[in-house]
Full PDB file with SEQRES, HELIX, SHEET, SSBOND, CRYST1, ORIGX, SCALE, CONECT and MASTER records, all heavy atoms in Angstrom:
SEQRES   1 A   38  VAL LEU PHE GLY ILE ASN ARG ARG GLU ILE PRO ALA ARG          
SEQRES   2 A   38  SER LEU GLU THR VAL ALA VAL ALA LEU GLU ARG ALA GLY          
SEQRES   3 A   38  LEU ALA ILE ASP THR ARG CYS ARG SER GLY THR CYS              
HELIX    1 AA1 VAL A   18  ARG A   24  1                                   7    
SHEET    1 AA1 2 LEU A   2  PHE A   3  0                                        
SHEET    2 AA1 2 ASN A   6  ARG A   7 -1                                        
CRYST1    1.000    1.000    1.000  90.00  90.00  90.00 P 1           1          
ORIGX1      1.000000  0.000000  0.000000        0.00000                         
ORIGX2      0.000000  1.000000  0.000000        0.00000                         
ORIGX3      0.000000  0.000000  1.000000        0.00000                         
SCALE1      1.000000  0.000000  0.000000        0.00000                         
SCALE2      0.000000  1.000000  0.000000        0.00000                         
SCALE3      0.000000  0.000000  1.000000        0.00000                         
ATOM      1  N   VAL A   1     100.820  71.208 106.056  1.00  0.00           N  
ATOM      2  CA  VAL A   1     100.883  72.627 106.405  1.00  0.00           C  
ATOM      3  C   VAL A   1     100.016  73.426 105.445  1.00  0.00           C  
ATOM      4  O   VAL A   1     100.189  73.347 104.222  1.00  0.00           O  
ATOM      5  CB  VAL A   1     102.339  73.145 106.348  1.00  0.00           C  
ATOM      6  CG1 VAL A   1     102.406  74.586 106.853  1.00  0.00           C  
ATOM      7  CG2 VAL A   1     103.269  72.249 107.156  1.00  0.00           C  
ATOM      8  N   LEU A   2      99.078  74.187 105.983  1.00  0.00           N  
ATOM      9  CA  LEU A   2      98.203  75.048 105.193  1.00  0.00           C  
ATOM     10  C   LEU A   2      98.613  76.495 105.431  1.00  0.00           C  
ATOM     11  O   LEU A   2      98.673  76.952 106.571  1.00  0.00           O  
ATOM     12  CB  LEU A   2      96.743  74.859 105.610  1.00  0.00           C  
ATOM     13  CG  LEU A   2      96.218  73.412 105.665  1.00  0.00           C  
ATOM     14  CD1 LEU A   2      94.777  73.401 106.179  1.00  0.00           C  
ATOM     15  CD2 LEU A   2      96.303  72.755 104.298  1.00  0.00           C  
ATOM     16  N   PHE A   3      98.948  77.214 104.354  1.00  0.00           N  
ATOM     17  CA  PHE A   3      99.273  78.634 104.483  1.00  0.00           C  
ATOM     18  C   PHE A   3      98.700  79.353 103.275  1.00  0.00           C  
ATOM     19  O   PHE A   3      99.058  79.095 102.136  1.00  0.00           O  
ATOM     20  CB  PHE A   3     100.779  78.870 104.630  1.00  0.00           C  
ATOM     21  CG  PHE A   3     101.651  78.133 103.655  1.00  0.00           C  
ATOM     22  CD1 PHE A   3     102.249  78.800 102.596  1.00  0.00           C  
ATOM     23  CD2 PHE A   3     101.876  76.773 103.785  1.00  0.00           C  
ATOM     24  CE1 PHE A   3     103.060  78.127 101.693  1.00  0.00           C  
ATOM     25  CE2 PHE A   3     102.690  76.096 102.888  1.00  0.00           C  
ATOM     26  CZ  PHE A   3     103.284  76.773 101.836  1.00  0.00           C  
ATOM     27  N   GLY A   4      97.719  80.236 103.536  1.00  0.00           N  
ATOM     28  CA  GLY A   4      96.982  80.871 102.449  1.00  0.00           C  
ATOM     29  C   GLY A   4      96.224  79.817 101.660  1.00  0.00           C  
ATOM     30  O   GLY A   4      95.519  78.982 102.211  1.00  0.00           O  
ATOM     31  N   ILE A   5      96.386  79.830 100.331  1.00  0.00           N  
ATOM     32  CA  ILE A   5      95.734  78.827  99.483  1.00  0.00           C  
ATOM     33  C   ILE A   5      96.674  77.656  99.207  1.00  0.00           C  
ATOM     34  O   ILE A   5      96.326  76.747  98.438  1.00  0.00           O  
ATOM     35  CB  ILE A   5      95.270  79.458  98.151  1.00  0.00           C  
ATOM     36  CG1 ILE A   5      96.489  79.995  97.376  1.00  0.00           C  
ATOM     37  CG2 ILE A   5      94.244  80.550  98.404  1.00  0.00           C  
ATOM     38  CD1 ILE A   5      96.131  80.472  95.969  1.00  0.00           C  
ATOM     39  N   ASN A   6      97.835  77.658  99.818  1.00  0.00           N  
ATOM     40  CA  ASN A   6      98.843  76.635  99.572  1.00  0.00           C  
ATOM     41  C   ASN A   6      98.813  75.555 100.642  1.00  0.00           C  
ATOM     42  O   ASN A   6      98.344  75.773 101.761  1.00  0.00           O  
ATOM     43  CB  ASN A   6     100.239  77.275  99.522  1.00  0.00           C  
ATOM     44  CG  ASN A   6     100.351  78.340  98.456  1.00  0.00           C  
ATOM     45  OD1 ASN A   6     100.143  78.077  97.286  1.00  0.00           O  
ATOM     46  ND2 ASN A   6     100.658  79.568  98.874  1.00  0.00           N  
ATOM     47  N   ARG A   7      99.343  74.405 100.302  1.00  0.00           N  
ATOM     48  CA  ARG A   7      99.490  73.318 101.253  1.00  0.00           C  
ATOM     49  C   ARG A   7     100.744  72.532 100.908  1.00  0.00           C  
ATOM     50  O   ARG A   7     101.163  72.464  99.754  1.00  0.00           O  
ATOM     51  CB  ARG A   7      98.265  72.394 101.275  1.00  0.00           C  
ATOM     52  CG  ARG A   7      98.000  71.650 100.000  1.00  0.00           C  
ATOM     53  CD  ARG A   7      96.696  70.867 100.068  1.00  0.00           C  
ATOM     54  NE  ARG A   7      96.754  69.745 100.974  1.00  0.00           N  
ATOM     55  CZ  ARG A   7      95.792  69.447 101.840  1.00  0.00           C  
ATOM     56  NH1 ARG A   7      94.711  70.196 101.933  1.00  0.00           N  
ATOM     57  NH2 ARG A   7      95.919  68.391 102.617  1.00  0.00           N  
ATOM     58  N   ARG A   8     101.340  71.962 101.947  1.00  0.00           N  
ATOM     59  CA  ARG A   8     102.553  71.180 101.738  1.00  0.00           C  
ATOM     60  C   ARG A   8     102.662  70.137 102.834  1.00  0.00           C  
ATOM     61  O   ARG A   8     102.283  70.396 103.983  1.00  0.00           O  
ATOM     62  CB  ARG A   8     103.779  72.103 101.756  1.00  0.00           C  
ATOM     63  CG  ARG A   8     105.095  71.375 101.546  1.00  0.00           C  
ATOM     64  CD  ARG A   8     106.240  72.364 101.453  1.00  0.00           C  
ATOM     65  NE  ARG A   8     107.524  71.702 101.555  1.00  0.00           N  
ATOM     66  CZ  ARG A   8     108.685  72.332 101.634  1.00  0.00           C  
ATOM     67  NH1 ARG A   8     108.731  73.660 101.623  1.00  0.00           N  
ATOM     68  NH2 ARG A   8     109.822  71.658 101.743  1.00  0.00           N  
ATOM     69  N   GLU A   9     103.156  68.973 102.486  1.00  0.00           N  
ATOM     70  CA  GLU A   9     103.357  67.914 103.469  1.00  0.00           C  
ATOM     71  C   GLU A   9     104.839  67.817 103.820  1.00  0.00           C  
ATOM     72  O   GLU A   9     105.688  67.791 102.929  1.00  0.00           O  
ATOM     73  CB  GLU A   9     102.847  66.575 102.941  1.00  0.00           C  
ATOM     74  CG  GLU A   9     101.334  66.526 102.805  1.00  0.00           C  
ATOM     75  CD  GLU A   9     100.833  65.127 102.458  1.00  0.00           C  
ATOM     76  OE1 GLU A   9     101.688  64.232 102.207  1.00  0.00           O  
ATOM     77  OE2 GLU A   9      99.616  64.920 102.451  1.00  0.00           O  
ATOM     78  N   ILE A  10     105.135  67.764 105.117  1.00  0.00           N  
ATOM     79  CA  ILE A  10     106.522  67.697 105.575  1.00  0.00           C  
ATOM     80  C   ILE A  10     106.645  66.641 106.671  1.00  0.00           C  
ATOM     81  O   ILE A  10     105.670  66.346 107.373  1.00  0.00           O  
ATOM     82  CB  ILE A  10     107.012  69.056 106.114  1.00  0.00           C  
ATOM     83  CG1 ILE A  10     106.233  69.442 107.372  1.00  0.00           C  
ATOM     84  CG2 ILE A  10     106.881  70.146 105.053  1.00  0.00           C  
ATOM     85  CD1 ILE A  10     106.781  70.657 108.101  1.00  0.00           C  
ATOM     86  N   PRO A  11     107.830  66.047 106.848  1.00  0.00           N  
ATOM     87  CA  PRO A  11     108.033  65.100 107.943  1.00  0.00           C  
ATOM     88  C   PRO A  11     108.254  65.839 109.260  1.00  0.00           C  
ATOM     89  O   PRO A  11     108.767  66.957 109.280  1.00  0.00           O  
ATOM     90  CB  PRO A  11     109.291  64.338 107.514  1.00  0.00           C  
ATOM     91  CG  PRO A  11     110.048  65.327 106.682  1.00  0.00           C  
ATOM     92  CD  PRO A  11     108.999  66.150 105.960  1.00  0.00           C  
ATOM     93  N   ALA A  12     107.872  65.202 110.348  1.00  0.00           N  
ATOM     94  CA  ALA A  12     108.043  65.818 111.670  1.00  0.00           C  
ATOM     95  C   ALA A  12     108.461  64.738 112.666  1.00  0.00           C  
ATOM     96  O   ALA A  12     107.781  63.726 112.816  1.00  0.00           O  
ATOM     97  CB  ALA A  12     106.750  66.473 112.134  1.00  0.00           C  
ATOM     98  N   ARG A  13     109.561  64.980 113.335  1.00  0.00           N  
ATOM     99  CA  ARG A  13     110.050  64.044 114.337  1.00  0.00           C  
ATOM    100  C   ARG A  13     109.356  64.285 115.673  1.00  0.00           C  
ATOM    101  O   ARG A  13     109.151  65.433 116.073  1.00  0.00           O  
ATOM    102  CB  ARG A  13     111.565  64.204 114.500  1.00  0.00           C  
ATOM    103  CG  ARG A  13     112.339  63.953 113.214  1.00  0.00           C  
ATOM    104  CD  ARG A  13     113.798  64.312 113.383  1.00  0.00           C  
ATOM    105  NE  ARG A  13     114.532  64.187 112.119  1.00  0.00           N  
ATOM    106  CZ  ARG A  13     115.789  64.571 111.954  1.00  0.00           C  
ATOM    107  NH1 ARG A  13     116.448  65.125 112.956  1.00  0.00           N  
ATOM    108  NH2 ARG A  13     116.381  64.410 110.787  1.00  0.00           N  
ATOM    109  N   SER A  14     109.043  63.213 116.363  1.00  0.00           N  
ATOM    110  CA  SER A  14     108.268  63.346 117.605  1.00  0.00           C  
ATOM    111  C   SER A  14     109.036  64.051 118.716  1.00  0.00           C  
ATOM    112  O   SER A  14     108.420  64.632 119.617  1.00  0.00           O  
ATOM    113  CB  SER A  14     107.841  61.958 118.093  1.00  0.00           C  
ATOM    114  OG  SER A  14     108.982  61.148 118.358  1.00  0.00           O  
ATOM    115  N   LEU A  15     110.359  64.023 118.679  1.00  0.00           N  
ATOM    116  CA  LEU A  15     111.146  64.631 119.744  1.00  0.00           C  
ATOM    117  C   LEU A  15     111.610  66.040 119.390  1.00  0.00           C  
ATOM    118  O   LEU A  15     112.443  66.613 120.090  1.00  0.00           O  
ATOM    119  CB  LEU A  15     112.359  63.747 120.074  1.00  0.00           C  
ATOM    120  CG  LEU A  15     112.018  62.335 120.549  1.00  0.00           C  
ATOM    121  CD1 LEU A  15     113.280  61.579 120.923  1.00  0.00           C  
ATOM    122  CD2 LEU A  15     111.051  62.364 121.732  1.00  0.00           C  
ATOM    123  N   GLU A  16     111.070  66.581 118.304  1.00  0.00           N  
ATOM    124  CA  GLU A  16     111.325  67.975 117.941  1.00  0.00           C  
ATOM    125  C   GLU A  16     109.990  68.698 117.818  1.00  0.00           C  
ATOM    126  O   GLU A  16     108.975  68.101 117.488  1.00  0.00           O  
ATOM    127  CB  GLU A  16     112.089  68.066 116.623  1.00  0.00           C  
ATOM    128  CG  GLU A  16     113.507  67.520 116.709  1.00  0.00           C  
ATOM    129  CD  GLU A  16     114.250  67.651 115.395  1.00  0.00           C  
ATOM    130  OE1 GLU A  16     113.608  67.631 114.338  1.00  0.00           O  
ATOM    131  OE2 GLU A  16     115.474  67.779 115.441  1.00  0.00           O  
ATOM    132  N   THR A  17     110.016  69.998 118.069  1.00  0.00           N  
ATOM    133  CA  THR A  17     108.772  70.752 118.024  1.00  0.00           C  
ATOM    134  C   THR A  17     108.274  70.908 116.590  1.00  0.00           C  
ATOM    135  O   THR A  17     109.022  70.729 115.621  1.00  0.00           O  
ATOM    136  CB  THR A  17     108.940  72.145 118.640  1.00  0.00           C  
ATOM    137  OG1 THR A  17     109.874  72.897 117.855  1.00  0.00           O  
ATOM    138  CG2 THR A  17     109.425  72.057 120.074  1.00  0.00           C  
ATOM    139  N   VAL A  18     107.006  71.259 116.482  1.00  0.00           N  
ATOM    140  CA  VAL A  18     106.416  71.525 115.163  1.00  0.00           C  
ATOM    141  C   VAL A  18     107.170  72.659 114.476  1.00  0.00           C  
ATOM    142  O   VAL A  18     107.409  72.618 113.264  1.00  0.00           O  
ATOM    143  CB  VAL A  18     104.918  71.867 115.307  1.00  0.00           C  
ATOM    144  CG1 VAL A  18     104.332  72.316 113.968  1.00  0.00           C  
ATOM    145  CG2 VAL A  18     104.142  70.659 115.852  1.00  0.00           C  
ATOM    146  N   ALA A  19     107.590  73.669 115.241  1.00  0.00           N  
ATOM    147  CA  ALA A  19     108.336  74.786 114.662  1.00  0.00           C  
ATOM    148  C   ALA A  19     109.644  74.315 114.047  1.00  0.00           C  
ATOM    149  O   ALA A  19     110.030  74.756 112.956  1.00  0.00           O  
ATOM    150  CB  ALA A  19     108.611  75.847 115.723  1.00  0.00           C  
ATOM    151  N   VAL A  20     110.341  73.403 114.721  1.00  0.00           N  
ATOM    152  CA  VAL A  20     111.597  72.881 114.185  1.00  0.00           C  
ATOM    153  C   VAL A  20     111.344  72.101 112.902  1.00  0.00           C  
ATOM    154  O   VAL A  20     112.103  72.200 111.931  1.00  0.00           O  
ATOM    155  CB  VAL A  20     112.310  72.008 115.235  1.00  0.00           C  
ATOM    156  CG1 VAL A  20     113.474  71.245 114.611  1.00  0.00           C  
ATOM    157  CG2 VAL A  20     112.817  72.870 116.387  1.00  0.00           C  
ATOM    158  N   ALA A  21     110.262  71.314 112.870  1.00  0.00           N  
ATOM    159  CA  ALA A  21     109.917  70.567 111.655  1.00  0.00           C  
ATOM    160  C   ALA A  21     109.654  71.522 110.492  1.00  0.00           C  
ATOM    161  O   ALA A  21     110.098  71.281 109.355  1.00  0.00           O  
ATOM    162  CB  ALA A  21     108.692  69.690 111.911  1.00  0.00           C  
ATOM    163  N   LEU A  22     108.943  72.604 110.756  1.00  0.00           N  
ATOM    164  CA  LEU A  22     108.679  73.602 109.712  1.00  0.00           C  
ATOM    165  C   LEU A  22     109.985  74.229 109.224  1.00  0.00           C  
ATOM    166  O   LEU A  22     110.206  74.370 108.014  1.00  0.00           O  
ATOM    167  CB  LEU A  22     107.752  74.686 110.255  1.00  0.00           C  
ATOM    168  CG  LEU A  22     106.302  74.273 110.555  1.00  0.00           C  
ATOM    169  CD1 LEU A  22     105.586  75.363 111.330  1.00  0.00           C  
ATOM    170  CD2 LEU A  22     105.550  73.972 109.265  1.00  0.00           C  
ATOM    171  N   GLU A  23     110.853  74.583 110.155  1.00  0.00           N  
ATOM    172  CA  GLU A  23     112.128  75.206 109.780  1.00  0.00           C  
ATOM    173  C   GLU A  23     113.004  74.239 108.996  1.00  0.00           C  
ATOM    174  O   GLU A  23     113.677  74.632 108.034  1.00  0.00           O  
ATOM    175  CB  GLU A  23     112.847  75.689 111.041  1.00  0.00           C  
ATOM    176  CG  GLU A  23     112.142  76.860 111.714  1.00  0.00           C  
ATOM    177  CD  GLU A  23     112.651  77.136 113.110  1.00  0.00           C  
ATOM    178  OE1 GLU A  23     113.321  76.250 113.692  1.00  0.00           O  
ATOM    179  OE2 GLU A  23     112.376  78.229 113.628  1.00  0.00           O  
ATOM    180  N   ARG A  24     113.001  72.974 109.394  1.00  0.00           N  
ATOM    181  CA  ARG A  24     113.808  71.972 108.697  1.00  0.00           C  
ATOM    182  C   ARG A  24     113.361  71.842 107.237  1.00  0.00           C  
ATOM    183  O   ARG A  24     114.170  71.548 106.351  1.00  0.00           O  
ATOM    184  CB  ARG A  24     113.688  70.630 109.411  1.00  0.00           C  
ATOM    185  CG  ARG A  24     114.666  69.575 108.920  1.00  0.00           C  
ATOM    186  CD  ARG A  24     114.409  68.258 109.623  1.00  0.00           C  
ATOM    187  NE  ARG A  24     114.633  68.358 111.054  1.00  0.00           N  
ATOM    188  CZ  ARG A  24     115.831  68.353 111.626  1.00  0.00           C  
ATOM    189  NH1 ARG A  24     116.914  68.273 110.872  1.00  0.00           N  
ATOM    190  NH2 ARG A  24     115.948  68.435 112.925  1.00  0.00           N  
ATOM    191  N   ALA A  25     112.069  72.076 107.014  1.00  0.00           N  
ATOM    192  CA  ALA A  25     111.518  71.968 105.656  1.00  0.00           C  
ATOM    193  C   ALA A  25     111.594  73.289 104.900  1.00  0.00           C  
ATOM    194  O   ALA A  25     111.070  73.407 103.792  1.00  0.00           O  
ATOM    195  CB  ALA A  25     110.076  71.487 105.723  1.00  0.00           C  
ATOM    196  N   GLY A  26     112.235  74.288 105.492  1.00  0.00           N  
ATOM    197  CA  GLY A  26     112.350  75.582 104.822  1.00  0.00           C  
ATOM    198  C   GLY A  26     111.139  76.465 104.966  1.00  0.00           C  
ATOM    199  O   GLY A  26     110.975  77.431 104.214  1.00  0.00           O  
ATOM    200  N   LEU A  27     110.276  76.167 105.942  1.00  0.00           N  
ATOM    201  CA  LEU A  27     109.068  76.961 106.182  1.00  0.00           C  
ATOM    202  C   LEU A  27     109.202  77.660 107.534  1.00  0.00           C  
ATOM    203  O   LEU A  27     108.570  77.290 108.515  1.00  0.00           O  
ATOM    204  CB  LEU A  27     107.819  76.077 106.167  1.00  0.00           C  
ATOM    205  CG  LEU A  27     107.578  75.276 104.878  1.00  0.00           C  
ATOM    206  CD1 LEU A  27     106.380  74.341 105.053  1.00  0.00           C  
ATOM    207  CD2 LEU A  27     107.327  76.224 103.711  1.00  0.00           C  
ATOM    208  N   ALA A  28     110.051  78.655 107.602  1.00  0.00           N  
ATOM    209  CA  ALA A  28     110.345  79.306 108.872  1.00  0.00           C  
ATOM    210  C   ALA A  28     109.225  80.255 109.281  1.00  0.00           C  
ATOM    211  O   ALA A  28     108.945  81.229 108.590  1.00  0.00           O  
ATOM    212  CB  ALA A  28     111.668  80.055 108.781  1.00  0.00           C  
ATOM    213  N   ILE A  29     108.581  79.975 110.409  1.00  0.00           N  
ATOM    214  CA  ILE A  29     107.556  80.868 110.931  1.00  0.00           C  
ATOM    215  C   ILE A  29     108.196  81.829 111.928  1.00  0.00           C  
ATOM    216  O   ILE A  29     109.357  81.685 112.301  1.00  0.00           O  
ATOM    217  CB  ILE A  29     106.407  80.080 111.593  1.00  0.00           C  
ATOM    218  CG1 ILE A  29     106.930  79.245 112.768  1.00  0.00           C  
ATOM    219  CG2 ILE A  29     105.716  79.200 110.578  1.00  0.00           C  
ATOM    220  CD1 ILE A  29     105.827  78.538 113.533  1.00  0.00           C  
ATOM    221  N   ASP A  30     107.426  82.811 112.364  1.00  0.00           N  
ATOM    222  CA  ASP A  30     107.945  83.839 113.254  1.00  0.00           C  
ATOM    223  C   ASP A  30     107.957  83.313 114.685  1.00  0.00           C  
ATOM    224  O   ASP A  30     106.929  83.246 115.349  1.00  0.00           O  
ATOM    225  CB  ASP A  30     107.082  85.097 113.154  1.00  0.00           C  
ATOM    226  CG  ASP A  30     107.736  86.298 113.811  1.00  0.00           C  
ATOM    227  OD1 ASP A  30     108.804  86.116 114.427  1.00  0.00           O  
ATOM    228  OD2 ASP A  30     107.191  87.408 113.713  1.00  0.00           O  
ATOM    229  N   THR A  31     109.114  82.894 115.162  1.00  0.00           N  
ATOM    230  CA  THR A  31     109.253  82.434 116.547  1.00  0.00           C  
ATOM    231  C   THR A  31     110.234  83.340 117.261  1.00  0.00           C  
ATOM    232  O   THR A  31     111.260  83.706 116.706  1.00  0.00           O  
ATOM    233  CB  THR A  31     109.769  80.989 116.602  1.00  0.00           C  
ATOM    234  OG1 THR A  31     111.026  80.910 115.924  1.00  0.00           O  
ATOM    235  CG2 THR A  31     108.793  80.030 115.942  1.00  0.00           C  
ATOM    236  N   ARG A  32     109.927  83.675 118.499  1.00  0.00           N  
ATOM    237  CA  ARG A  32     110.793  84.578 119.257  1.00  0.00           C  
ATOM    238  C   ARG A  32     111.239  83.948 120.574  1.00  0.00           C  
ATOM    239  O   ARG A  32     112.418  83.742 120.808  1.00  0.00           O  
ATOM    240  CB  ARG A  32     110.094  85.909 119.483  1.00  0.00           C  
ATOM    241  CG  ARG A  32     109.707  86.552 118.145  1.00  0.00           C  
ATOM    242  CD  ARG A  32     109.377  88.002 118.238  1.00  0.00           C  
ATOM    243  NE  ARG A  32     109.028  88.525 116.909  1.00  0.00           N  
ATOM    244  CZ  ARG A  32     108.811  89.795 116.647  1.00  0.00           C  
ATOM    245  NH1 ARG A  32     108.889  90.701 117.601  1.00  0.00           N  
ATOM    246  NH2 ARG A  32     108.495  90.187 115.420  1.00  0.00           N  
ATOM    247  N   CYS A  33     110.285  83.581 121.417  1.00  0.00           N  
ATOM    248  CA  CYS A  33     110.686  83.006 122.701  1.00  0.00           C  
ATOM    249  C   CYS A  33     111.104  81.548 122.577  1.00  0.00           C  
ATOM    250  O   CYS A  33     111.900  81.061 123.357  1.00  0.00           O  
ATOM    251  CB  CYS A  33     109.550  83.123 123.710  1.00  0.00           C  
ATOM    252  SG  CYS A  33     108.150  82.022 123.371  1.00  0.00           S  
ATOM    253  N   ARG A  34     110.520  80.820 121.620  1.00  0.00           N  
ATOM    254  CA  ARG A  34     110.751  79.388 121.406  1.00  0.00           C  
ATOM    255  C   ARG A  34     110.440  78.563 122.656  1.00  0.00           C  
ATOM    256  O   ARG A  34     111.009  77.485 122.863  1.00  0.00           O  
ATOM    257  CB  ARG A  34     112.177  79.123 120.925  1.00  0.00           C  
ATOM    258  CG  ARG A  34     112.539  79.850 119.642  1.00  0.00           C  
ATOM    259  CD  ARG A  34     113.824  79.340 119.049  1.00  0.00           C  
ATOM    260  NE  ARG A  34     113.635  78.032 118.436  1.00  0.00           N  
ATOM    261  CZ  ARG A  34     113.213  77.835 117.188  1.00  0.00           C  
ATOM    262  NH1 ARG A  34     112.899  78.862 116.412  1.00  0.00           N  
ATOM    263  NH2 ARG A  34     113.090  76.625 116.716  1.00  0.00           N  
ATOM    264  N   SER A  35     109.514  79.034 123.449  1.00  0.00           N  
ATOM    265  CA  SER A  35     109.145  78.304 124.658  1.00  0.00           C  
ATOM    266  C   SER A  35     107.647  78.332 124.935  1.00  0.00           C  
ATOM    267  O   SER A  35     107.206  77.966 126.013  1.00  0.00           O  
ATOM    268  CB  SER A  35     109.900  78.867 125.866  1.00  0.00           C  
ATOM    269  OG  SER A  35     109.587  80.235 126.045  1.00  0.00           O  
ATOM    270  N   GLY A  36     106.860  78.820 123.964  1.00  0.00           N  
ATOM    271  CA  GLY A  36     105.408  78.780 124.118  1.00  0.00           C  
ATOM    272  C   GLY A  36     104.797  79.937 124.874  1.00  0.00           C  
ATOM    273  O   GLY A  36     103.626  79.861 125.260  1.00  0.00           O  
ATOM    274  N   THR A  37     105.544  81.008 125.086  1.00  0.00           N  
ATOM    275  CA  THR A  37     105.018  82.079 125.923  1.00  0.00           C  
ATOM    276  C   THR A  37     104.663  83.364 125.180  1.00  0.00           C  
ATOM    277  O   THR A  37     103.748  84.069 125.591  1.00  0.00           O  
ATOM    278  CB  THR A  37     106.011  82.422 127.047  1.00  0.00           C  
ATOM    279  OG1 THR A  37     107.272  82.772 126.467  1.00  0.00           O  
ATOM    280  CG2 THR A  37     106.210  81.241 127.977  1.00  0.00           C  
ATOM    281  N   CYS A  38     105.384  83.703 124.107  1.00  0.00           N  
ATOM    282  CA  CYS A  38     105.173  85.025 123.501  1.00  0.00           C  
ATOM    283  C   CYS A  38     103.976  85.065 122.538  1.00  0.00           C  
ATOM    284  O   CYS A  38     103.354  86.105 122.364  1.00  0.00           O  
ATOM    285  CB  CYS A  38     106.434  85.501 122.782  1.00  0.00           C  
ATOM    286  SG  CYS A  38     106.759  84.704 121.178  1.00  0.00           S  
TER     287      CYS A  38                                                      
MASTER        0    0    0    1    2    0    0    6  286    1    0    3          
END                                                                             
């Protein structure tokens, strides 16, 4: 994950979305619809 000048490696399960993987690692991004539309 690249954000600004920072980077971090996190695990991601294939049956969960990238957003869920980020949240599981404490990197919560701004999600609203959670379905790919907004």
